[in-house]
Amino acid sequence: MDQLPTAAHSFVGIDVSKDRLDVHLRPSGHAFAIPRDGPGLDQLLARLRAEPPALVVIEATGGFELTVAAAIAGAGLPLVVVNPRQIRDFARATGRLAKTDRLDAAAIALFGERVRPEPRPLPDAATQTLAELVARRRQIIEMIGMEQNRVRQTRAPKVAQTIHATLKVLEAQLAELDHDIDDTIRGSPAWRAADDLLQSVPGVGSITARTLIAEMPELGRLDRREAAALIGVAPVNRDSGQMRGHRAIAGGRTSIRNVLFMATLSAIRWNPVLKAHYQQLIGRGRPKKVAIVACMRRLLGILNAILRAKTPWQSA
């Protein structure tokens, strides 16, 4: 295979598909493709180790990227796995409308060179397993909701019978997943301690705590602004023309934001700090939705501080 050009300041974009990896380097423009298998990964790592790049960027592709990312991170190379939406938006902004695997790799490399996202450590195998269990639980809940909607709409007894049978299977799987998640959390002293700390906050239950542990392992190591931006509850400026002062939330980790929203609805009823904060905002004329989002940020800040200090909730 060809030798890589000097890469001390190069940026590598990798488009991951089921069977192969398309690799592009900036600013040299060097590109190549290799199989997405063991020997292919060995060749890729050998080439990257020969001239370590400034950054390797991979687009998340629904799981195909996990093995590749683990291999690159294990080799000690700077790596970031980015949301595909960021790459698509960036490509459109630069006028790149055509889409092939080779062009996608070039767009990913250019994104790395221009934007330079901050590398983040990959979760370990245990954290990935817990995250998959939590994600599967969320999928089962969604399927149960869909089947419940269908059974309310059906009129044919035989159809209703099949839906009820499916619901029984899904409910059994949900109970098994809850048991597995509980065993996984309680089997780790660190996770067990974090779970107890998070659930010490009024309004935060097991689902919220375990979703945060599985899908936001950075919690407790960020400041409150970074934590809010990470899950998409930080206000973003929307100033344009004559419009000034409007702020809205955007981006972030949707699954975490959803469970935090439900926890906040509970907290503004039962948590004295959040309840007072919500009532104060409403008293100042803030719309209820705006007040709830502000309370979400406040709750996230409290949870972040509790994990950082390793001190449970204490009522004033």
C-alpha atoms as a PDB file:
ATOM      1  CA  MET A   1       0.000   0.000   0.000  1.00  0.00           C
ATOM      2  CA  ASP A   2       1.054   3.595  -0.541  1.00  0.00           C
ATOM      3  CA  GLN A   3       2.779   5.391   2.303  1.00  0.00           C
ATOM      4  CA  LEU A   4       0.939   8.264   3.918  1.00  0.00           C
ATOM      5  CA  PRO A   5       2.232  11.775   3.329  1.00  0.00           C
ATOM      6  CA  THR A   6       3.591  13.735   6.248  1.00  0.00           C
ATOM      7  CA  ALA A   7       0.690  13.943   8.702  1.00  0.00           C
ATOM      8  CA  ALA A   8       1.936  15.900  11.696  1.00  0.00           C
ATOM      9  CA  HIS A   9      -0.839  18.424  11.109  1.00  0.00           C
ATOM     10  CA  SER A  10      -3.190  16.310   9.038  1.00  0.00           C
ATOM     11  CA  PHE A  11      -6.871  15.633   9.693  1.00  0.00           C
ATOM     12  CA  VAL A  12      -8.324  12.242   8.860  1.00  0.00           C
ATOM     13  CA  GLY A  13     -11.970  11.728   7.908  1.00  0.00           C
ATOM     14  CA  ILE A  14     -13.321   8.166   7.856  1.00  0.00           C
ATOM     15  CA  ASP A  15     -16.664   7.212   6.340  1.00  0.00           C
ATOM     16  CA  VAL A  16     -17.734   3.869   7.803  1.00  0.00           C
ATOM     17  CA  SER A  17     -20.023   1.537   5.895  1.00  0.00           C
ATOM     18  CA  LYS A  18     -20.933  -2.096   6.445  1.00  0.00           C
ATOM     19  CA  ASP A  19     -18.084  -3.575   4.431  1.00  0.00           C
ATOM     20  CA  ARG A  20     -15.438  -0.899   3.998  1.00  0.00           C
ATOM     21  CA  LEU A  21     -13.811   2.267   5.286  1.00  0.00           C
ATOM     22  CA  ASP A  22     -13.252   5.290   3.042  1.00  0.00           C
ATOM     23  CA  VAL A  23     -10.412   7.416   4.401  1.00  0.00           C
ATOM     24  CA  HIS A  24      -9.494  10.972   3.413  1.00  0.00           C
ATOM     25  CA  LEU A  25      -6.646  13.163   4.671  1.00  0.00           C
ATOM     26  CA  ARG A  26      -6.542  16.940   4.791  1.00  0.00           C
ATOM     27  CA  PRO A  27      -4.826  19.035   3.589  1.00  0.00           C
ATOM     28  CA  SER A  28      -2.989  16.571   1.332  1.00  0.00           C
ATOM     29  CA  GLY A  29      -6.165  15.218  -0.282  1.00  0.00           C
ATOM     30  CA  HIS A  30      -4.780  11.675  -0.044  1.00  0.00           C
ATOM     31  CA  ALA A  31      -7.621   9.114  -0.067  1.00  0.00           C
ATOM     32  CA  PHE A  32      -7.943   5.350   0.050  1.00  0.00           C
ATOM     33  CA  ALA A  33     -10.434   2.604   0.916  1.00  0.00           C
ATOM     34  CA  ILE A  34      -9.917  -0.575   2.948  1.00  0.00           C
ATOM     35  CA  PRO A  35     -12.162  -3.443   4.065  1.00  0.00           C
ATOM     36  CA  ARG A  36     -13.931  -3.041   7.427  1.00  0.00           C
ATOM     37  CA  ASP A  37     -12.478  -6.183   8.916  1.00  0.00           C
ATOM     38  CA  GLY A  38      -9.570  -7.207  11.132  1.00  0.00           C
ATOM     39  CA  PRO A  39      -6.823  -7.037   8.508  1.00  0.00           C
ATOM     40  CA  GLY A  40      -8.229  -3.772   7.159  1.00  0.00           C
ATOM     41  CA  LEU A  41      -8.172  -2.190  10.618  1.00  0.00           C
ATOM     42  CA  ASP A  42      -4.611  -3.409  11.132  1.00  0.00           C
ATOM     43  CA  GLN A  43      -3.563  -1.725   7.874  1.00  0.00           C
ATOM     44  CA  LEU A  44      -5.347   1.494   8.839  1.00  0.00           C
ATOM     45  CA  LEU A  45      -3.698   1.633  12.270  1.00  0.00           C
ATOM     46  CA  ALA A  46      -0.269   0.923  10.799  1.00  0.00           C
ATOM     47  CA  ARG A  47      -0.652   3.827   8.386  1.00  0.00           C
ATOM     48  CA  LEU A  48      -1.971   6.218  11.020  1.00  0.00           C
ATOM     49  CA  ARG A  49       0.710   5.276  13.555  1.00  0.00           C
ATOM     50  CA  ALA A  50       3.429   5.904  10.978  1.00  0.00           C
ATOM     51  CA  GLU A  51       2.510   9.595  10.859  1.00  0.00           C
ATOM     52  CA  PRO A  52       0.097  10.355  13.730  1.00  0.00           C
ATOM     53  CA  PRO A  53      -2.546  12.887  12.612  1.00  0.00           C
ATOM     54  CA  ALA A  54      -3.760  15.898  14.581  1.00  0.00           C
ATOM     55  CA  LEU A  55      -7.285  14.428  14.666  1.00  0.00           C
ATOM     56  CA  VAL A  56      -9.268  11.478  13.362  1.00  0.00           C
ATOM     57  CA  VAL A  57     -12.972  12.144  12.758  1.00  0.00           C
ATOM     58  CA  ILE A  58     -15.579   9.412  12.335  1.00  0.00           C
ATOM     59  CA  GLU A  59     -19.267   9.859  11.654  1.00  0.00           C
ATOM     60  CA  ALA A  60     -21.597   7.850  13.913  1.00  0.00           C
ATOM     61  CA  THR A  61     -23.311   5.264  11.682  1.00  0.00           C
ATOM     62  CA  GLY A  62     -25.656   3.323  13.937  1.00  0.00           C
ATOM     63  CA  GLY A  63     -23.061   0.955  15.383  1.00  0.00           C
ATOM     64  CA  PHE A  64     -20.759   0.152  12.443  1.00  0.00           C
ATOM     65  CA  GLU A  65     -18.319   2.775  13.754  1.00  0.00           C
ATOM     66  CA  LEU A  66     -17.893   1.242  17.221  1.00  0.00           C
ATOM     67  CA  THR A  67     -15.200  -1.315  16.369  1.00  0.00           C
ATOM     68  CA  VAL A  68     -13.295   1.195  14.240  1.00  0.00           C
ATOM     69  CA  ALA A  69     -13.470   3.888  16.916  1.00  0.00           C
ATOM     70  CA  ALA A  70     -12.368   1.458  19.640  1.00  0.00           C
ATOM     71  CA  ALA A  71      -9.361   0.370  17.562  1.00  0.00           C
ATOM     72  CA  ILE A  72      -8.284   3.948  16.840  1.00  0.00           C
ATOM     73  CA  ALA A  73      -8.765   5.086  20.437  1.00  0.00           C
ATOM     74  CA  GLY A  74      -6.924   1.998  21.669  1.00  0.00           C
ATOM     75  CA  ALA A  75      -3.976   2.988  19.488  1.00  0.00           C
ATOM     76  CA  GLY A  76      -3.766   6.285  21.389  1.00  0.00           C
ATOM     77  CA  LEU A  77      -4.741   8.443  18.418  1.00  0.00           C
ATOM     78  CA  PRO A  78      -6.855  11.596  18.914  1.00  0.00           C
ATOM     79  CA  LEU A  79     -10.399  10.668  17.920  1.00  0.00           C
ATOM     80  CA  VAL A  80     -13.842  12.233  17.835  1.00  0.00           C
ATOM     81  CA  VAL A  81     -17.105  10.551  16.799  1.00  0.00           C
ATOM     82  CA  VAL A  82     -19.500  13.198  15.472  1.00  0.00           C
ATOM     83  CA  ASN A  83     -23.225  13.367  14.875  1.00  0.00           C
ATOM     84  CA  PRO A  84     -24.077  12.727  11.187  1.00  0.00           C
ATOM     85  CA  ARG A  85     -26.340  15.800  11.187  1.00  0.00           C
ATOM     86  CA  GLN A  86     -23.337  18.005  11.895  1.00  0.00           C
ATOM     87  CA  ILE A  87     -21.524  16.605   8.869  1.00  0.00           C
ATOM     88  CA  ARG A  88     -24.559  16.986   6.595  1.00  0.00           C
ATOM     89  CA  ASP A  89     -25.139  20.575   7.685  1.00  0.00           C
ATOM     90  CA  PHE A  90     -21.451  21.382   7.243  1.00  0.00           C
ATOM     91  CA  ALA A  91     -21.362  19.790   3.775  1.00  0.00           C
ATOM     92  CA  ARG A  92     -24.408  21.775   2.650  1.00  0.00           C
ATOM     93  CA  ALA A  93     -22.921  24.977   4.045  1.00  0.00           C
ATOM     94  CA  THR A  94     -19.784  24.424   1.955  1.00  0.00           C
ATOM     95  CA  GLY A  95     -21.819  23.685  -1.190  1.00  0.00           C
ATOM     96  CA  ARG A  96     -21.126  19.951  -1.202  1.00  0.00           C
ATOM     97  CA  LEU A  97     -24.459  18.468  -2.284  1.00  0.00           C
ATOM     98  CA  ALA A  98     -23.289  15.266  -3.991  1.00  0.00           C
ATOM     99  CA  LYS A  99     -23.039  12.225  -1.743  1.00  0.00           C
ATOM    100  CA  THR A 100     -20.845   9.142  -2.109  1.00  0.00           C
ATOM    101  CA  ASP A 101     -18.750   7.304   0.466  1.00  0.00           C
ATOM    102  CA  ARG A 102     -15.576   8.868  -0.944  1.00  0.00           C
ATOM    103  CA  LEU A 103     -17.085  12.377  -0.886  1.00  0.00           C
ATOM    104  CA  ASP A 104     -18.456  11.809   2.606  1.00  0.00           C
ATOM    105  CA  ALA A 105     -14.961  10.955   3.855  1.00  0.00           C
ATOM    106  CA  ALA A 106     -13.644  14.159   2.278  1.00  0.00           C
ATOM    107  CA  ALA A 107     -16.407  16.199   3.942  1.00  0.00           C
ATOM    108  CA  ILE A 108     -15.666  14.584   7.328  1.00  0.00           C
ATOM    109  CA  ALA A 109     -11.952  15.386   6.999  1.00  0.00           C
ATOM    110  CA  LEU A 110     -12.719  18.981   6.009  1.00  0.00           C
ATOM    111  CA  PHE A 111     -15.073  19.264   8.984  1.00  0.00           C
ATOM    112  CA  GLY A 112     -12.264  18.113  11.267  1.00  0.00           C
ATOM    113  CA  GLU A 113      -9.805  20.588   9.771  1.00  0.00           C
ATOM    114  CA  ARG A 114     -12.143  23.602   9.878  1.00  0.00           C
ATOM    115  CA  VAL A 115     -14.197  22.961  13.022  1.00  0.00           C
ATOM    116  CA  ARG A 116     -11.647  20.983  15.054  1.00  0.00           C
ATOM    117  CA  PRO A 117     -14.079  19.315  17.477  1.00  0.00           C
ATOM    118  CA  GLU A 118     -12.656  18.382  20.846  1.00  0.00           C
ATOM    119  CA  PRO A 119     -11.693  14.697  21.176  1.00  0.00           C
ATOM    120  CA  ARG A 120     -13.620  12.851  23.887  1.00  0.00           C
ATOM    121  CA  PRO A 121     -12.660   9.528  25.461  1.00  0.00           C
ATOM    122  CA  LEU A 122     -14.794   6.592  24.352  1.00  0.00           C
ATOM    123  CA  PRO A 123     -16.890   4.847  26.992  1.00  0.00           C
ATOM    124  CA  ASP A 124     -15.478   1.554  28.182  1.00  0.00           C
ATOM    125  CA  ALA A 125     -17.124  -1.780  27.365  1.00  0.00           C
ATOM    126  CA  ALA A 126     -19.194  -1.831  30.556  1.00  0.00           C
ATOM    127  CA  THR A 127     -20.547   1.670  29.910  1.00  0.00           C
ATOM    128  CA  GLN A 128     -21.387   0.776  26.312  1.00  0.00           C
ATOM    129  CA  THR A 129     -23.273  -2.312  27.514  1.00  0.00           C
ATOM    130  CA  LEU A 130     -25.251  -0.273  30.042  1.00  0.00           C
ATOM    131  CA  ALA A 131     -26.020   2.360  27.387  1.00  0.00           C
ATOM    132  CA  GLU A 132     -27.334  -0.334  25.050  1.00  0.00           C
ATOM    133  CA  LEU A 133     -29.551  -1.769  27.804  1.00  0.00           C
ATOM    134  CA  VAL A 134     -30.970   1.686  28.572  1.00  0.00           C
ATOM    135  CA  ALA A 135     -31.502   2.419  24.876  1.00  0.00           C
ATOM    136  CA  ARG A 136     -33.256  -0.927  24.388  1.00  0.00           C
ATOM    137  CA  ARG A 137     -35.514  -0.180  27.351  1.00  0.00           C
ATOM    138  CA  ARG A 138     -36.456   3.114  25.709  1.00  0.00           C
ATOM    139  CA  GLN A 139     -37.281   1.280  22.462  1.00  0.00           C
ATOM    140  CA  ILE A 140     -39.461  -1.252  24.302  1.00  0.00           C
ATOM    141  CA  ILE A 141     -41.365   1.568  26.015  1.00  0.00           C
ATOM    142  CA  GLU A 142     -41.992   3.193  22.633  1.00  0.00           C
ATOM    143  CA  MET A 143     -43.238  -0.092  21.149  1.00  0.00           C
ATOM    144  CA  ILE A 144     -45.555  -0.662  24.112  1.00  0.00           C
ATOM    145  CA  GLY A 145     -47.010   2.800  23.582  1.00  0.00           C
ATOM    146  CA  MET A 146     -47.591   2.106  19.878  1.00  0.00           C
ATOM    147  CA  GLU A 147     -49.284  -1.229  20.578  1.00  0.00           C
ATOM    148  CA  GLN A 148     -51.494   0.348  23.233  1.00  0.00           C
ATOM    149  CA  ASN A 149     -52.575   2.969  20.698  1.00  0.00           C
ATOM    150  CA  ARG A 150     -53.364   0.239  18.170  1.00  0.00           C
ATOM    151  CA  VAL A 151     -55.453  -1.838  20.583  1.00  0.00           C
ATOM    152  CA  ARG A 152     -57.612   1.194  21.345  1.00  0.00           C
ATOM    153  CA  GLN A 153     -58.290   1.703  17.643  1.00  0.00           C
ATOM    154  CA  THR A 154     -58.929  -1.886  16.549  1.00  0.00           C
ATOM    155  CA  ARG A 155     -62.421  -3.362  16.315  1.00  0.00           C
ATOM    156  CA  ALA A 156     -61.630  -6.900  15.211  1.00  0.00           C
ATOM    157  CA  PRO A 157     -61.317  -9.266  18.226  1.00  0.00           C
ATOM    158  CA  LYS A 158     -58.649 -11.405  16.522  1.00  0.00           C
ATOM    159  CA  VAL A 159     -56.505  -8.352  15.819  1.00  0.00           C
ATOM    160  CA  ALA A 160     -56.909  -7.177  19.406  1.00  0.00           C
ATOM    161  CA  GLN A 161     -55.883 -10.647  20.580  1.00  0.00           C
ATOM    162  CA  THR A 162     -52.609 -10.503  18.627  1.00  0.00           C
ATOM    163  CA  ILE A 163     -51.880  -7.021  19.979  1.00  0.00           C
ATOM    164  CA  HIS A 164     -52.465  -8.154  23.563  1.00  0.00           C
ATOM    165  CA  ALA A 165     -50.128 -11.106  22.970  1.00  0.00           C
ATOM    166  CA  THR A 166     -47.443  -8.737  21.666  1.00  0.00           C
ATOM    167  CA  LEU A 167     -47.936  -6.471  24.673  1.00  0.00           C
ATOM    168  CA  LYS A 168     -47.373  -9.398  27.038  1.00  0.00           C
ATOM    169  CA  VAL A 169     -44.086 -10.216  25.303  1.00  0.00           C
ATOM    170  CA  LEU A 170     -42.940  -6.585  25.380  1.00  0.00           C
ATOM    171  CA  GLU A 171     -43.893  -6.174  29.052  1.00  0.00           C
ATOM    172  CA  ALA A 172     -41.960  -9.335  29.921  1.00  0.00           C
ATOM    173  CA  GLN A 173     -38.931  -8.003  28.051  1.00  0.00           C
ATOM    174  CA  LEU A 174     -39.267  -4.673  29.837  1.00  0.00           C
ATOM    175  CA  ALA A 175     -39.269  -6.373  33.239  1.00  0.00           C
ATOM    176  CA  GLU A 176     -36.200  -8.411  32.240  1.00  0.00           C
ATOM    177  CA  LEU A 177     -34.376  -5.295  31.024  1.00  0.00           C
ATOM    178  CA  ASP A 178     -35.181  -3.447  34.253  1.00  0.00           C
ATOM    179  CA  HIS A 179     -33.724  -6.373  36.184  1.00  0.00           C
ATOM    180  CA  ASP A 180     -30.583  -6.442  34.012  1.00  0.00           C
ATOM    181  CA  ILE A 181     -30.070  -2.678  34.317  1.00  0.00           C
ATOM    182  CA  ASP A 182     -30.497  -2.859  38.087  1.00  0.00           C
ATOM    183  CA  ASP A 183     -27.996  -5.728  38.348  1.00  0.00           C
ATOM    184  CA  THR A 184     -25.512  -3.871  36.133  1.00  0.00           C
ATOM    185  CA  ILE A 185     -25.727  -0.671  38.194  1.00  0.00           C
ATOM    186  CA  ARG A 186     -25.603  -2.445  41.538  1.00  0.00           C
ATOM    187  CA  GLY A 187     -22.700  -4.607  40.352  1.00  0.00           C
ATOM    188  CA  SER A 188     -20.429  -1.563  40.017  1.00  0.00           C
ATOM    189  CA  PRO A 189     -19.462   0.302  43.210  1.00  0.00           C
ATOM    190  CA  ALA A 190     -18.933   3.549  41.270  1.00  0.00           C
ATOM    191  CA  TRP A 191     -22.260   3.323  39.437  1.00  0.00           C
ATOM    192  CA  ARG A 192     -24.068   2.265  42.612  1.00  0.00           C
ATOM    193  CA  ALA A 193     -22.713   5.327  44.422  1.00  0.00           C
ATOM    194  CA  ALA A 194     -23.649   7.631  41.521  1.00  0.00           C
ATOM    195  CA  ASP A 195     -27.126   6.104  41.345  1.00  0.00           C
ATOM    196  CA  ASP A 196     -27.678   6.694  45.065  1.00  0.00           C
ATOM    197  CA  LEU A 197     -26.406  10.284  44.816  1.00  0.00           C
ATOM    198  CA  LEU A 198     -28.619  11.139  41.859  1.00  0.00           C
ATOM    199  CA  GLN A 199     -31.734   9.557  43.349  1.00  0.00           C
ATOM    200  CA  SER A 200     -31.212  11.489  46.582  1.00  0.00           C
ATOM    201  CA  VAL A 201     -32.527  14.563  44.712  1.00  0.00           C
ATOM    202  CA  PRO A 202     -36.333  14.901  45.022  1.00  0.00           C
ATOM    203  CA  GLY A 203     -37.907  14.375  41.613  1.00  0.00           C
ATOM    204  CA  VAL A 204     -35.129  12.145  40.253  1.00  0.00           C
ATOM    205  CA  GLY A 205     -36.019   8.477  39.978  1.00  0.00           C
ATOM    206  CA  SER A 206     -34.225   5.371  38.829  1.00  0.00           C
ATOM    207  CA  ILE A 207     -34.891   5.870  35.099  1.00  0.00           C
ATOM    208  CA  THR A 208     -33.467   9.399  35.084  1.00  0.00           C
ATOM    209  CA  ALA A 209     -30.473   8.416  37.205  1.00  0.00           C
ATOM    210  CA  ARG A 210     -29.599   5.389  35.119  1.00  0.00           C
ATOM    211  CA  THR A 211     -30.053   7.185  31.827  1.00  0.00           C
ATOM    212  CA  LEU A 212     -27.629   9.863  33.021  1.00  0.00           C
ATOM    213  CA  ILE A 213     -25.107   7.268  34.192  1.00  0.00           C
ATOM    214  CA  ALA A 214     -25.301   5.350  30.899  1.00  0.00           C
ATOM    215  CA  GLU A 215     -25.583   8.162  28.372  1.00  0.00           C
ATOM    216  CA  MET A 216     -23.892  11.120  30.061  1.00  0.00           C
ATOM    217  CA  PRO A 217     -20.767   9.707  31.726  1.00  0.00           C
ATOM    218  CA  GLU A 218     -19.262  13.235  31.628  1.00  0.00           C
ATOM    219  CA  LEU A 219     -21.707  14.406  34.321  1.00  0.00           C
ATOM    220  CA  GLY A 220     -19.797  15.540  37.396  1.00  0.00           C
ATOM    221  CA  ARG A 221     -16.718  16.488  35.375  1.00  0.00           C
ATOM    222  CA  LEU A 222     -18.188  19.491  33.532  1.00  0.00           C
ATOM    223  CA  ASP A 223     -19.201  22.963  34.584  1.00  0.00           C
ATOM    224  CA  ARG A 224     -22.918  23.765  34.504  1.00  0.00           C
ATOM    225  CA  ARG A 225     -22.755  25.570  31.142  1.00  0.00           C
ATOM    226  CA  GLU A 226     -20.934  22.699  29.450  1.00  0.00           C
ATOM    227  CA  ALA A 227     -23.416  20.197  30.886  1.00  0.00           C
ATOM    228  CA  ALA A 228     -26.388  22.271  29.670  1.00  0.00           C
ATOM    229  CA  ALA A 229     -24.911  22.592  26.176  1.00  0.00           C
ATOM    230  CA  LEU A 230     -24.136  18.868  25.991  1.00  0.00           C
ATOM    231  CA  ILE A 231     -27.781  17.809  26.331  1.00  0.00           C
ATOM    232  CA  GLY A 232     -29.254  20.802  24.516  1.00  0.00           C
ATOM    233  CA  VAL A 233     -30.902  22.870  27.265  1.00  0.00           C
ATOM    234  CA  ALA A 234     -28.585  25.866  26.957  1.00  0.00           C
ATOM    235  CA  PRO A 235     -30.290  28.921  25.386  1.00  0.00           C
ATOM    236  CA  VAL A 236     -29.017  29.731  21.897  1.00  0.00           C
ATOM    237  CA  ASN A 237     -29.190  33.232  20.401  1.00  0.00           C
ATOM    238  CA  ARG A 238     -31.693  33.689  17.557  1.00  0.00           C
ATOM    239  CA  ASP A 239     -31.074  37.358  16.723  1.00  0.00           C
ATOM    240  CA  SER A 240     -31.856  38.322  13.140  1.00  0.00           C
ATOM    241  CA  GLY A 241     -32.899  41.603  11.528  1.00  0.00           C
ATOM    242  CA  GLN A 242     -35.262  43.454  13.823  1.00  0.00           C
ATOM    243  CA  MET A 243     -35.718  40.432  16.089  1.00  0.00           C
ATOM    244  CA  ARG A 244     -33.623  40.666  19.233  1.00  0.00           C
ATOM    245  CA  GLY A 245     -33.576  38.867  22.517  1.00  0.00           C
ATOM    246  CA  HIS A 246     -35.212  35.578  21.491  1.00  0.00           C
ATOM    247  CA  ARG A 247     -33.419  32.493  22.831  1.00  0.00           C
ATOM    248  CA  ALA A 248     -34.167  28.831  22.183  1.00  0.00           C
ATOM    249  CA  ILE A 249     -32.625  25.476  23.017  1.00  0.00           C
ATOM    250  CA  ALA A 250     -31.167  23.338  20.237  1.00  0.00           C
ATOM    251  CA  GLY A 251     -29.142  20.197  19.571  1.00  0.00           C
ATOM    252  CA  GLY A 252     -27.750  18.010  22.313  1.00  0.00           C
ATOM    253  CA  ARG A 253     -28.588  14.483  23.438  1.00  0.00           C
ATOM    254  CA  THR A 254     -32.312  14.082  22.918  1.00  0.00           C
ATOM    255  CA  SER A 255     -32.773  10.926  24.997  1.00  0.00           C
ATOM    256  CA  ILE A 256     -31.261  12.580  28.075  1.00  0.00           C
ATOM    257  CA  ARG A 257     -33.231  15.773  27.524  1.00  0.00           C
ATOM    258  CA  ASN A 258     -36.477  13.778  27.385  1.00  0.00           C
ATOM    259  CA  VAL A 259     -35.942  12.010  30.707  1.00  0.00           C
ATOM    260  CA  LEU A 260     -34.702  15.232  32.320  1.00  0.00           C
ATOM    261  CA  PHE A 261     -37.919  16.942  31.190  1.00  0.00           C
ATOM    262  CA  MET A 262     -40.043  14.317  32.947  1.00  0.00           C
ATOM    263  CA  ALA A 263     -37.876  14.519  36.062  1.00  0.00           C
ATOM    264  CA  THR A 264     -38.251  18.296  36.081  1.00  0.00           C
ATOM    265  CA  LEU A 265     -42.048  18.031  35.943  1.00  0.00           C
ATOM    266  CA  SER A 266     -41.849  15.944  39.089  1.00  0.00           C
ATOM    267  CA  ALA A 267     -39.221  18.171  40.717  1.00  0.00           C
ATOM    268  CA  ILE A 268     -41.234  21.388  40.352  1.00  0.00           C
ATOM    269  CA  ARG A 269     -43.905  19.693  42.477  1.00  0.00           C
ATOM    270  CA  TRP A 270     -41.803  17.905  45.101  1.00  0.00           C
ATOM    271  CA  ASN A 271     -38.355  19.519  45.150  1.00  0.00           C
ATOM    272  CA  PRO A 272     -38.463  22.707  47.269  1.00  0.00           C
ATOM    273  CA  VAL A 273     -35.628  24.420  45.372  1.00  0.00           C
ATOM    274  CA  LEU A 274     -37.042  23.685  41.909  1.00  0.00           C
ATOM    275  CA  LYS A 275     -40.601  24.409  43.021  1.00  0.00           C
ATOM    276  CA  ALA A 276     -39.602  27.862  44.325  1.00  0.00           C
ATOM    277  CA  HIS A 277     -37.549  28.553  41.185  1.00  0.00           C
ATOM    278  CA  TYR A 278     -40.451  27.611  38.900  1.00  0.00           C
ATOM    279  CA  GLN A 279     -42.963  29.709  40.835  1.00  0.00           C
ATOM    280  CA  GLN A 280     -40.568  32.668  40.814  1.00  0.00           C
ATOM    281  CA  LEU A 281     -40.207  32.464  37.019  1.00  0.00           C
ATOM    282  CA  ILE A 282     -43.953  32.164  36.492  1.00  0.00           C
ATOM    283  CA  GLY A 283     -44.501  35.111  38.856  1.00  0.00           C
ATOM    284  CA  ARG A 284     -42.164  37.188  36.671  1.00  0.00           C
ATOM    285  CA  GLY A 285     -44.330  36.472  33.632  1.00  0.00           C
ATOM    286  CA  ARG A 286     -42.236  33.756  32.008  1.00  0.00           C
ATOM    287  CA  PRO A 287     -44.185  31.278  29.835  1.00  0.00           C
ATOM    288  CA  LYS A 288     -44.568  27.876  31.492  1.00  0.00           C
ATOM    289  CA  LYS A 289     -42.464  26.107  28.865  1.00  0.00           C
ATOM    290  CA  VAL A 290     -39.640  28.615  29.305  1.00  0.00           C
ATOM    291  CA  ALA A 291     -39.849  28.191  33.076  1.00  0.00           C
ATOM    292  CA  ILE A 292     -39.692  24.397  32.774  1.00  0.00           C
ATOM    293  CA  VAL A 293     -36.597  24.542  30.538  1.00  0.00           C
ATOM    294  CA  ALA A 294     -34.939  26.920  33.022  1.00  0.00           C
ATOM    295  CA  CYS A 295     -35.732  24.429  35.788  1.00  0.00           C
ATOM    296  CA  MET A 296     -34.244  21.644  33.651  1.00  0.00           C
ATOM    297  CA  ARG A 297     -30.976  23.581  33.529  1.00  0.00           C
ATOM    298  CA  ARG A 298     -31.153  24.197  37.275  1.00  0.00           C
ATOM    299  CA  LEU A 299     -31.808  20.514  38.003  1.00  0.00           C
ATOM    300  CA  LEU A 300     -28.979  19.421  35.713  1.00  0.00           C
ATOM    301  CA  GLY A 301     -26.649  21.860  37.479  1.00  0.00           C
ATOM    302  CA  ILE A 302     -27.654  20.408  40.852  1.00  0.00           C
ATOM    303  CA  LEU A 303     -27.046  16.838  39.658  1.00  0.00           C
ATOM    304  CA  ASN A 304     -23.697  17.808  38.157  1.00  0.00           C
ATOM    305  CA  ALA A 305     -22.606  19.478  41.402  1.00  0.00           C
ATOM    306  CA  ILE A 306     -23.748  16.520  43.519  1.00  0.00           C
ATOM    307  CA  LEU A 307     -21.708  14.045  41.480  1.00  0.00           C
ATOM    308  CA  ARG A 308     -18.692  16.352  41.493  1.00  0.00           C
ATOM    309  CA  ALA A 309     -18.821  16.817  45.270  1.00  0.00           C
ATOM    310  CA  LYS A 310     -19.965  13.218  45.920  1.00  0.00           C
ATOM    311  CA  THR A 311     -22.415  14.613  48.470  1.00  0.00           C
ATOM    312  CA  PRO A 312     -26.119  13.639  48.494  1.00  0.00           C
ATOM    313  CA  TRP A 313     -28.968  16.134  48.343  1.00  0.00           C
ATOM    314  CA  GLN A 314     -29.439  18.188  51.473  1.00  0.00           C
ATOM    315  CA  SER A 315     -32.574  20.259  52.029  1.00  0.00           C
ATOM    316  CA  ALA A 316     -31.906  23.829  53.099  1.00  0.00           C
END
